[in-house]
Amino acid sequence: MGRTIIRIPLSGEEEQTLRMWVGAYKTEQRMVQRAKVILYSPEGLPLPSISEKSGLGKQNCSKWRKRFSENRLEGYEGPGQTAIDHATATSECHRA
């Protein structure tokens, strides 16, 4: 029997923020990979496909999907870090 495919629904604001990070020239590569993991999740792709498309291992993909599910954008970077600060800096770069 196959594994259950986990879909993570995104709000319009969350999707917009993640797509902005993926498309921004100055976004760190690790942030781009994490954003891709989350953006592929609502599509219903299996974990191996998400791993291949994002460039992260399956274990890391699972970790970031779980963290995002529990904490949304606030848990995006990891303990002690905030994605909101990153989002603000990235959006300021786009305005300049």
PDB file of N, CA and C in Angstrom:
ATOM      1  N   MET A   1       0.838  -1.181   0.000  1.00  0.00           N
ATOM      2  CA  MET A   1       0.000   0.000   0.000  1.00  0.00           C
ATOM      3  C   MET A   1       0.885   1.247   0.000  1.00  0.00           C
ATOM      4  N   GLY A   2       0.548   2.253  -0.822  1.00  0.00           N
ATOM      5  CA  GLY A   2       1.333   3.474  -0.923  1.00  0.00           C
ATOM      6  C   GLY A   2       1.146   4.400   0.268  1.00  0.00           C
ATOM      7  N   ARG A   3       2.076   5.307   0.389  1.00  0.00           N
ATOM      8  CA  ARG A   3       2.003   6.285   1.468  1.00  0.00           C
ATOM      9  C   ARG A   3       0.945   7.331   1.164  1.00  0.00           C
ATOM     10  N   THR A   4       0.417   7.909   2.218  1.00  0.00           N
ATOM     11  CA  THR A   4      -0.574   8.961   2.075  1.00  0.00           C
ATOM     12  C   THR A   4       0.107  10.236   1.601  1.00  0.00           C
ATOM     13  N   ILE A   5      -0.487  10.902   0.636  1.00  0.00           N
ATOM     14  CA  ILE A   5       0.029  12.174   0.150  1.00  0.00           C
ATOM     15  C   ILE A   5      -0.529  13.272   1.039  1.00  0.00           C
ATOM     16  N   ILE A   6       0.373  14.078   1.567  1.00  0.00           N
ATOM     17  CA  ILE A   6      -0.026  15.166   2.468  1.00  0.00           C
ATOM     18  C   ILE A   6      -0.086  16.462   1.671  1.00  0.00           C
ATOM     19  N   ARG A   7      -1.243  17.093   1.715  1.00  0.00           N
ATOM     20  CA  ARG A   7      -1.423  18.398   1.060  1.00  0.00           C
ATOM     21  C   ARG A   7      -1.460  19.469   2.140  1.00  0.00           C
ATOM     22  N   ILE A   8      -0.729  20.518   1.934  1.00  0.00           N
ATOM     23  CA  ILE A   8      -0.720  21.637   2.876  1.00  0.00           C
ATOM     24  C   ILE A   8      -1.412  22.808   2.197  1.00  0.00           C
ATOM     25  N   PRO A   9      -2.621  23.140   2.631  1.00  0.00           N
ATOM     26  CA  PRO A   9      -3.301  24.283   2.027  1.00  0.00           C
ATOM     27  C   PRO A   9      -2.585  25.586   2.404  1.00  0.00           C
ATOM     28  N   LEU A  10      -2.510  26.495   1.446  1.00  0.00           N
ATOM     29  CA  LEU A  10      -1.862  27.784   1.666  1.00  0.00           C
ATOM     30  C   LEU A  10      -2.877  28.911   1.517  1.00  0.00           C
ATOM     31  N   SER A  11      -2.726  29.923   2.341  1.00  0.00           N
ATOM     32  CA  SER A  11      -3.532  31.124   2.140  1.00  0.00           C
ATOM     33  C   SER A  11      -2.931  31.875   0.950  1.00  0.00           C
ATOM     34  N   GLY A  12      -3.682  32.792   0.403  1.00  0.00           N
ATOM     35  CA  GLY A  12      -3.173  33.593  -0.710  1.00  0.00           C
ATOM     36  C   GLY A  12      -1.925  34.364  -0.331  1.00  0.00           C
ATOM     37  N   GLU A  13      -1.907  34.891   0.883  1.00  0.00           N
ATOM     38  CA  GLU A  13      -0.748  35.657   1.358  1.00  0.00           C
ATOM     39  C   GLU A  13       0.482  34.761   1.520  1.00  0.00           C
ATOM     40  N   GLU A  14       0.274  33.547   2.055  1.00  0.00           N
ATOM     41  CA  GLU A  14       1.400  32.624   2.219  1.00  0.00           C
ATOM     42  C   GLU A  14       1.976  32.233   0.862  1.00  0.00           C
ATOM     43  N   GLU A  15       1.102  31.895  -0.073  1.00  0.00           N
ATOM     44  CA  GLU A  15       1.577  31.511  -1.403  1.00  0.00           C
ATOM     45  C   GLU A  15       2.316  32.663  -2.069  1.00  0.00           C
ATOM     46  N   GLN A  16       1.776  33.859  -1.954  1.00  0.00           N
ATOM     47  CA  GLN A  16       2.418  35.023  -2.554  1.00  0.00           C
ATOM     48  C   GLN A  16       3.810  35.256  -1.956  1.00  0.00           C
ATOM     49  N   THR A  17       3.916  35.155  -0.631  1.00  0.00           N
ATOM     50  CA  THR A  17       5.199  35.352   0.041  1.00  0.00           C
ATOM     51  C   THR A  17       6.206  34.295  -0.394  1.00  0.00           C
ATOM     52  N   LEU A  18       5.795  33.037  -0.419  1.00  0.00           N
ATOM     53  CA  LEU A  18       6.708  31.961  -0.817  1.00  0.00           C
ATOM     54  C   LEU A  18       7.145  32.114  -2.269  1.00  0.00           C
ATOM     55  N   ARG A  19       6.217  32.479  -3.154  1.00  0.00           N
ATOM     56  CA  ARG A  19       6.578  32.687  -4.566  1.00  0.00           C
ATOM     57  C   ARG A  19       7.526  33.879  -4.725  1.00  0.00           C
ATOM     58  N   MET A  20       7.328  34.899  -3.904  1.00  0.00           N
ATOM     59  CA  MET A  20       8.223  36.055  -3.937  1.00  0.00           C
ATOM     60  C   MET A  20       9.641  35.623  -3.563  1.00  0.00           C
ATOM     61  N   TRP A  21       9.756  34.796  -2.511  1.00  0.00           N
ATOM     62  CA  TRP A  21      11.072  34.322  -2.086  1.00  0.00           C
ATOM     63  C   TRP A  21      11.739  33.490  -3.168  1.00  0.00           C
ATOM     64  N   VAL A  22      10.967  32.630  -3.835  1.00  0.00           N
ATOM     65  CA  VAL A  22      11.524  31.783  -4.891  1.00  0.00           C
ATOM     66  C   VAL A  22      12.020  32.641  -6.061  1.00  0.00           C
ATOM     67  N   GLY A  23      11.287  33.694  -6.387  1.00  0.00           N
ATOM     68  CA  GLY A  23      11.637  34.517  -7.536  1.00  0.00           C
ATOM     69  C   GLY A  23      12.621  35.638  -7.270  1.00  0.00           C
ATOM     70  N   ALA A  24      12.895  35.929  -6.006  1.00  0.00           N
ATOM     71  CA  ALA A  24      13.786  37.045  -5.680  1.00  0.00           C
ATOM     72  C   ALA A  24      15.244  36.645  -5.880  1.00  0.00           C
ATOM     73  N   TYR A  25      15.978  37.494  -6.511  1.00  0.00           N
ATOM     74  CA  TYR A  25      17.388  37.237  -6.812  1.00  0.00           C
ATOM     75  C   TYR A  25      18.224  37.104  -5.539  1.00  0.00           C
ATOM     76  N   LYS A  26      17.901  37.861  -4.512  1.00  0.00           N
ATOM     77  CA  LYS A  26      18.728  37.898  -3.307  1.00  0.00           C
ATOM     78  C   LYS A  26      18.314  36.895  -2.226  1.00  0.00           C
ATOM     79  N   THR A  27      17.305  36.090  -2.465  1.00  0.00           N
ATOM     80  CA  THR A  27      16.884  35.108  -1.474  1.00  0.00           C
ATOM     81  C   THR A  27      17.935  34.004  -1.367  1.00  0.00           C
ATOM     82  N   GLU A  28      18.293  33.648  -0.137  1.00  0.00           N
ATOM     83  CA  GLU A  28      19.255  32.576   0.074  1.00  0.00           C
ATOM     84  C   GLU A  28      18.735  31.273  -0.530  1.00  0.00           C
ATOM     85  N   GLN A  29      19.635  30.464  -1.041  1.00  0.00           N
ATOM     86  CA  GLN A  29      19.249  29.217  -1.703  1.00  0.00           C
ATOM     87  C   GLN A  29      18.478  28.294  -0.760  1.00  0.00           C
ATOM     88  N   ARG A  30      18.878  28.235   0.507  1.00  0.00           N
ATOM     89  CA  ARG A  30      18.178  27.367   1.459  1.00  0.00           C
ATOM     90  C   ARG A  30      16.732  27.802   1.632  1.00  0.00           C
ATOM     91  N   MET A  31      16.478  29.104   1.588  1.00  0.00           N
ATOM     92  CA  MET A  31      15.112  29.618   1.707  1.00  0.00           C
ATOM     93  C   MET A  31      14.307  29.281   0.458  1.00  0.00           C
ATOM     94  N   VAL A  32      14.945  29.360  -0.698  1.00  0.00           N
ATOM     95  CA  VAL A  32      14.277  29.026  -1.963  1.00  0.00           C
ATOM     96  C   VAL A  32      13.882  27.551  -1.959  1.00  0.00           C
ATOM     97  N   GLN A  33      14.796  26.676  -1.523  1.00  0.00           N
ATOM     98  CA  GLN A  33      14.490  25.243  -1.495  1.00  0.00           C
ATOM     99  C   GLN A  33      13.331  24.956  -0.546  1.00  0.00           C
ATOM    100  N   ARG A  34      13.337  25.571   0.620  1.00  0.00           N
ATOM    101  CA  ARG A  34      12.257  25.356   1.586  1.00  0.00           C
ATOM    102  C   ARG A  34      10.930  25.864   1.040  1.00  0.00           C
ATOM    103  N   ALA A  35      10.966  27.023   0.389  1.00  0.00           N
ATOM    104  CA  ALA A  35       9.739  27.579  -0.183  1.00  0.00           C
ATOM    105  C   ALA A  35       9.179  26.643  -1.260  1.00  0.00           C
ATOM    106  N   LYS A  36      10.049  26.075  -2.068  1.00  0.00           N
ATOM    107  CA  LYS A  36       9.602  25.148  -3.109  1.00  0.00           C
ATOM    108  C   LYS A  36       8.936  23.927  -2.491  1.00  0.00           C
ATOM    109  N   VAL A  37       9.505  23.414  -1.401  1.00  0.00           N
ATOM    110  CA  VAL A  37       8.909  22.255  -0.726  1.00  0.00           C
ATOM    111  C   VAL A  37       7.472  22.568  -0.344  1.00  0.00           C
ATOM    112  N   ILE A  38       7.259  23.734   0.231  1.00  0.00           N
ATOM    113  CA  ILE A  38       5.923  24.112   0.676  1.00  0.00           C
ATOM    114  C   ILE A  38       5.010  24.372  -0.520  1.00  0.00           C
ATOM    115  N   LEU A  39       5.515  25.018  -1.556  1.00  0.00           N
ATOM    116  CA  LEU A  39       4.694  25.324  -2.727  1.00  0.00           C
ATOM    117  C   LEU A  39       4.274  24.063  -3.489  1.00  0.00           C
ATOM    118  N   TYR A  40       5.081  23.011  -3.464  1.00  0.00           N
ATOM    119  CA  TYR A  40       4.715  21.765  -4.137  1.00  0.00           C
ATOM    120  C   TYR A  40       3.709  20.953  -3.323  1.00  0.00           C
ATOM    121  N   SER A  41       3.620  21.203  -2.034  1.00  0.00           N
ATOM    122  CA  SER A  41       2.763  20.394  -1.160  1.00  0.00           C
ATOM    123  C   SER A  41       1.267  20.484  -1.478  1.00  0.00           C
ATOM    124  N   PRO A  42       0.698  21.650  -1.803  1.00  0.00           N
ATOM    125  CA  PRO A  42      -0.726  21.680  -2.132  1.00  0.00           C
ATOM    126  C   PRO A  42      -1.064  20.959  -3.435  1.00  0.00           C
ATOM    127  N   GLU A  43      -0.065  20.747  -4.282  1.00  0.00           N
ATOM    128  CA  GLU A  43      -0.284  20.088  -5.564  1.00  0.00           C
ATOM    129  C   GLU A  43      -0.524  18.591  -5.409  1.00  0.00           C
ATOM    130  N   GLY A  44      -0.256  18.055  -4.224  1.00  0.00           N
ATOM    131  CA  GLY A  44      -0.464  16.635  -3.989  1.00  0.00           C
ATOM    132  C   GLY A  44       0.640  15.753  -4.538  1.00  0.00           C
ATOM    133  N   LEU A  45       1.818  16.323  -4.717  1.00  0.00           N
ATOM    134  CA  LEU A  45       2.940  15.524  -5.205  1.00  0.00           C
ATOM    135  C   LEU A  45       3.444  14.595  -4.103  1.00  0.00           C
ATOM    136  N   PRO A  46       3.884  13.395  -4.457  1.00  0.00           N
ATOM    137  CA  PRO A  46       4.463  12.508  -3.451  1.00  0.00           C
ATOM    138  C   PRO A  46       5.818  13.040  -2.987  1.00  0.00           C
ATOM    139  N   LEU A  47       6.217  12.641  -1.795  1.00  0.00           N
ATOM    140  CA  LEU A  47       7.454  13.135  -1.194  1.00  0.00           C
ATOM    141  C   LEU A  47       8.687  12.962  -2.090  1.00  0.00           C
ATOM    142  N   PRO A  48       8.878  11.819  -2.750  1.00  0.00           N
ATOM    143  CA  PRO A  48      10.058  11.698  -3.625  1.00  0.00           C
ATOM    144  C   PRO A  48      10.077  12.750  -4.743  1.00  0.00           C
ATOM    145  N   SER A  49       8.927  13.087  -5.287  1.00  0.00           N
ATOM    146  CA  SER A  49       8.862  14.114  -6.346  1.00  0.00           C
ATOM    147  C   SER A  49       9.194  15.494  -5.790  1.00  0.00           C
ATOM    148  N   ILE A  50       8.653  15.793  -4.602  1.00  0.00           N
ATOM    149  CA  ILE A  50       8.949  17.078  -3.966  1.00  0.00           C
ATOM    150  C   ILE A  50      10.438  17.173  -3.672  1.00  0.00           C
ATOM    151  N   SER A  51      11.011  16.093  -3.191  1.00  0.00           N
ATOM    152  CA  SER A  51      12.441  16.060  -2.890  1.00  0.00           C
ATOM    153  C   SER A  51      13.267  16.326  -4.144  1.00  0.00           C
ATOM    154  N   GLU A  52      12.925  15.659  -5.208  1.00  0.00           N
ATOM    155  CA  GLU A  52      13.660  15.819  -6.468  1.00  0.00           C
ATOM    156  C   GLU A  52      13.531  17.244  -7.010  1.00  0.00           C
ATOM    157  N   LYS A  53      12.321  17.787  -7.012  1.00  0.00           N
ATOM    158  CA  LYS A  53      12.086  19.125  -7.573  1.00  0.00           C
ATOM    159  C   LYS A  53      12.696  20.241  -6.725  1.00  0.00           C
ATOM    160  N   SER A  54      12.739  20.049  -5.410  1.00  0.00           N
ATOM    161  CA  SER A  54      13.235  21.107  -4.525  1.00  0.00           C
ATOM    162  C   SER A  54      14.745  21.059  -4.318  1.00  0.00           C
ATOM    163  N   GLY A  55      15.330  19.885  -4.530  1.00  0.00           N
ATOM    164  CA  GLY A  55      16.758  19.735  -4.302  1.00  0.00           C
ATOM    165  C   GLY A  55      17.106  19.379  -2.859  1.00  0.00           C
ATOM    166  N   LEU A  56      16.110  19.119  -2.035  1.00  0.00           N
ATOM    167  CA  LEU A  56      16.333  18.705  -0.651  1.00  0.00           C
ATOM    168  C   LEU A  56      16.055  17.216  -0.521  1.00  0.00           C
ATOM    169  N   GLY A  57      16.687  16.589   0.457  1.00  0.00           N
ATOM    170  CA  GLY A  57      16.430  15.181   0.726  1.00  0.00           C
ATOM    171  C   GLY A  57      15.023  14.980   1.275  1.00  0.00           C
ATOM    172  N   LYS A  58      14.541  13.736   1.210  1.00  0.00           N
ATOM    173  CA  LYS A  58      13.186  13.442   1.687  1.00  0.00           C
ATOM    174  C   LYS A  58      13.010  13.771   3.161  1.00  0.00           C
ATOM    175  N   GLN A  59      14.022  13.494   3.964  1.00  0.00           N
ATOM    176  CA  GLN A  59      13.924  13.780   5.399  1.00  0.00           C
ATOM    177  C   GLN A  59      13.790  15.282   5.645  1.00  0.00           C
ATOM    178  N   ASN A  60      14.577  16.078   4.933  1.00  0.00           N
ATOM    179  CA  ASN A  60      14.471  17.536   5.080  1.00  0.00           C
ATOM    180  C   ASN A  60      13.137  18.055   4.577  1.00  0.00           C
ATOM    181  N   CYS A  61      12.648  17.490   3.481  1.00  0.00           N
ATOM    182  CA  CYS A  61      11.331  17.897   2.974  1.00  0.00           C
ATOM    183  C   CYS A  61      10.258  17.633   4.025  1.00  0.00           C
ATOM    184  N   SER A  62      10.306  16.453   4.623  1.00  0.00           N
ATOM    185  CA  SER A  62       9.329  16.115   5.670  1.00  0.00           C
ATOM    186  C   SER A  62       9.425  17.079   6.843  1.00  0.00           C
ATOM    187  N   LYS A  63      10.649  17.396   7.242  1.00  0.00           N
ATOM    188  CA  LYS A  63      10.856  18.300   8.372  1.00  0.00           C
ATOM    189  C   LYS A  63      10.244  19.674   8.100  1.00  0.00           C
ATOM    190  N   TRP A  64      10.492  20.220   6.927  1.00  0.00           N
ATOM    191  CA  TRP A  64      10.013  21.571   6.635  1.00  0.00           C
ATOM    192  C   TRP A  64       8.514  21.607   6.391  1.00  0.00           C
ATOM    193  N   ARG A  65       7.962  20.549   5.813  1.00  0.00           N
ATOM    194  CA  ARG A  65       6.505  20.502   5.655  1.00  0.00           C
ATOM    195  C   ARG A  65       5.834  20.421   7.022  1.00  0.00           C
ATOM    196  N   LYS A  66       6.378  19.613   7.913  1.00  0.00           N
ATOM    197  CA  LYS A  66       5.819  19.494   9.266  1.00  0.00           C
ATOM    198  C   LYS A  66       5.929  20.820  10.008  1.00  0.00           C
ATOM    199  N   ARG A  67       7.111  21.435   9.931  1.00  0.00           N
ATOM    200  CA  ARG A  67       7.325  22.708  10.625  1.00  0.00           C
ATOM    201  C   ARG A  67       6.384  23.783  10.086  1.00  0.00           C
ATOM    202  N   PHE A  68       6.211  23.815   8.758  1.00  0.00           N
ATOM    203  CA  PHE A  68       5.310  24.807   8.180  1.00  0.00           C
ATOM    204  C   PHE A  68       3.867  24.531   8.592  1.00  0.00           C
ATOM    205  N   SER A  69       3.460  23.268   8.594  1.00  0.00           N
ATOM    206  CA  SER A  69       2.094  22.905   8.995  1.00  0.00           C
ATOM    207  C   SER A  69       1.797  23.347  10.423  1.00  0.00           C
ATOM    208  N   GLU A  70       2.775  23.226  11.290  1.00  0.00           N
ATOM    209  CA  GLU A  70       2.581  23.563  12.704  1.00  0.00           C
ATOM    210  C   GLU A  70       2.675  25.055  12.979  1.00  0.00           C
ATOM    211  N   ASN A  71       3.576  25.755  12.277  1.00  0.00           N
ATOM    212  CA  ASN A  71       3.874  27.155  12.613  1.00  0.00           C
ATOM    213  C   ASN A  71       3.691  28.141  11.473  1.00  0.00           C
ATOM    214  N   ARG A  72       3.279  27.638  10.315  1.00  0.00           N
ATOM    215  CA  ARG A  72       3.101  28.471   9.127  1.00  0.00           C
ATOM    216  C   ARG A  72       4.394  29.244   8.832  1.00  0.00           C
ATOM    217  N   LEU A  73       4.316  30.484   8.373  1.00  0.00           N
ATOM    218  CA  LEU A  73       5.526  31.234   8.013  1.00  0.00           C
ATOM    219  C   LEU A  73       6.423  31.523   9.208  1.00  0.00           C
ATOM    220  N   GLU A  74       5.842  31.601  10.403  1.00  0.00           N
ATOM    221  CA  GLU A  74       6.640  31.885  11.590  1.00  0.00           C
ATOM    222  C   GLU A  74       7.644  30.777  11.887  1.00  0.00           C
ATOM    223  N   GLY A  75       7.380  29.552  11.477  1.00  0.00           N
ATOM    224  CA  GLY A  75       8.287  28.441  11.719  1.00  0.00           C
ATOM    225  C   GLY A  75       9.155  28.102  10.533  1.00  0.00           C
ATOM    226  N   TYR A  76       9.146  28.934   9.541  1.00  0.00           N
ATOM    227  CA  TYR A  76       9.783  28.645   8.266  1.00  0.00           C
ATOM    228  C   TYR A  76      11.292  28.514   8.342  1.00  0.00           C
ATOM    229  N   GLU A  77      11.957  29.344   9.126  1.00  0.00           N
ATOM    230  CA  GLU A  77      13.415  29.310   9.147  1.00  0.00           C
ATOM    231  C   GLU A  77      13.985  28.375  10.187  1.00  0.00           C
ATOM    232  N   GLY A  78      13.263  28.121  11.231  1.00  0.00           N
ATOM    233  CA  GLY A  78      13.778  27.249  12.265  1.00  0.00           C
ATOM    234  C   GLY A  78      13.772  27.955  13.609  1.00  0.00           C
ATOM    235  N   PRO A  79      14.145  27.236  14.659  1.00  0.00           N
ATOM    236  CA  PRO A  79      14.122  27.802  16.009  1.00  0.00           C
ATOM    237  C   PRO A  79      15.003  29.038  16.120  1.00  0.00           C
ATOM    238  N   GLY A  80      14.454  30.073  16.752  1.00  0.00           N
ATOM    239  CA  GLY A  80      15.222  31.294  16.998  1.00  0.00           C
ATOM    240  C   GLY A  80      15.356  32.214  15.811  1.00  0.00           C
ATOM    241  N   GLN A  81      14.763  31.876  14.693  1.00  0.00           N
ATOM    242  CA  GLN A  81      14.836  32.715  13.502  1.00  0.00           C
ATOM    243  C   GLN A  81      13.424  33.048  13.068  1.00  0.00           C
ATOM    244  N   THR A  82      13.285  34.105  12.318  1.00  0.00           N
ATOM    245  CA  THR A  82      11.955  34.477  11.868  1.00  0.00           C
ATOM    246  C   THR A  82      11.918  34.710  10.364  1.00  0.00           C
ATOM    247  N   ALA A  83      10.988  34.083   9.714  1.00  0.00           N
ATOM    248  CA  ALA A  83      10.815  34.272   8.275  1.00  0.00           C
ATOM    249  C   ALA A  83      10.190  35.619   7.976  1.00  0.00           C
ATOM    250  N   ILE A  84       9.460  36.159   8.932  1.00  0.00           N
ATOM    251  CA  ILE A  84       8.815  37.452   8.728  1.00  0.00           C
ATOM    252  C   ILE A  84       9.871  38.531   8.507  1.00  0.00           C
ATOM    253  N   ASP A  85      10.972  38.499   9.270  1.00  0.00           N
ATOM    254  CA  ASP A  85      12.059  39.456   9.065  1.00  0.00           C
ATOM    255  C   ASP A  85      12.634  39.308   7.664  1.00  0.00           C
ATOM    256  N   HIS A  86      12.786  38.059   7.217  1.00  0.00           N
ATOM    257  CA  HIS A  86      13.303  37.801   5.877  1.00  0.00           C
ATOM    258  C   HIS A  86      12.335  38.332   4.822  1.00  0.00           C
ATOM    259  N   ALA A  87      11.047  38.132   5.043  1.00  0.00           N
ATOM    260  CA  ALA A  87      10.035  38.600   4.090  1.00  0.00           C
ATOM    261  C   ALA A  87      10.070  40.116   3.975  1.00  0.00           C
ATOM    262  N   THR A  88      10.218  40.777   5.091  1.00  0.00           N
ATOM    263  CA  THR A  88      10.283  42.240   5.091  1.00  0.00           C
ATOM    264  C   THR A  88      11.501  42.706   4.317  1.00  0.00           C
ATOM    265  N   ALA A  89      12.651  42.093   4.564  1.00  0.00           N
ATOM    266  CA  ALA A  89      13.875  42.482   3.867  1.00  0.00           C
ATOM    267  C   ALA A  89      13.757  42.221   2.374  1.00  0.00           C
ATOM    268  N   THR A  90      13.190  41.099   1.997  1.00  0.00           N
ATOM    269  CA  THR A  90      13.032  40.763   0.584  1.00  0.00           C
ATOM    270  C   THR A  90      12.078  41.724  -0.115  1.00  0.00           C
ATOM    271  N   SER A  91      10.960  42.048   0.539  1.00  0.00           N
ATOM    272  CA  SER A  91      10.012  42.956  -0.091  1.00  0.00           C
ATOM    273  C   SER A  91      10.588  44.353  -0.208  1.00  0.00           C
ATOM    274  N   GLU A  92      11.437  44.747   0.745  1.00  0.00           N
ATOM    275  CA  GLU A  92      12.101  46.053   0.651  1.00  0.00           C
ATOM    276  C   GLU A  92      13.055  46.084  -0.521  1.00  0.00           C
ATOM    277  N   CYS A  93      13.719  44.950  -0.815  1.00  0.00           N
ATOM    278  CA  CYS A  93      14.612  44.873  -1.973  1.00  0.00           C
ATOM    279  C   CYS A  93      13.823  45.060  -3.267  1.00  0.00           C
ATOM    280  N   HIS A  94      12.599  44.502  -3.307  1.00  0.00           N
ATOM    281  CA  HIS A  94      11.765  44.625  -4.503  1.00  0.00           C
ATOM    282  C   HIS A  94      11.295  46.065  -4.705  1.00  0.00           C
ATOM    283  N   ARG A  95      11.106  46.801  -3.624  1.00  0.00           N
ATOM    284  CA  ARG A  95      10.633  48.191  -3.726  1.00  0.00           C
ATOM    285  C   ARG A  95      11.734  49.126  -4.179  1.00  0.00           C
ATOM    286  N   ALA A  96      12.965  48.772  -3.884  1.00  0.00           N
ATOM    287  CA  ALA A  96      14.088  49.679  -4.186  1.00  0.00           C
ATOM    288  C   ALA A  96      14.373  49.762  -5.667  1.00  0.00           C
TER     289      ALA A  96
END
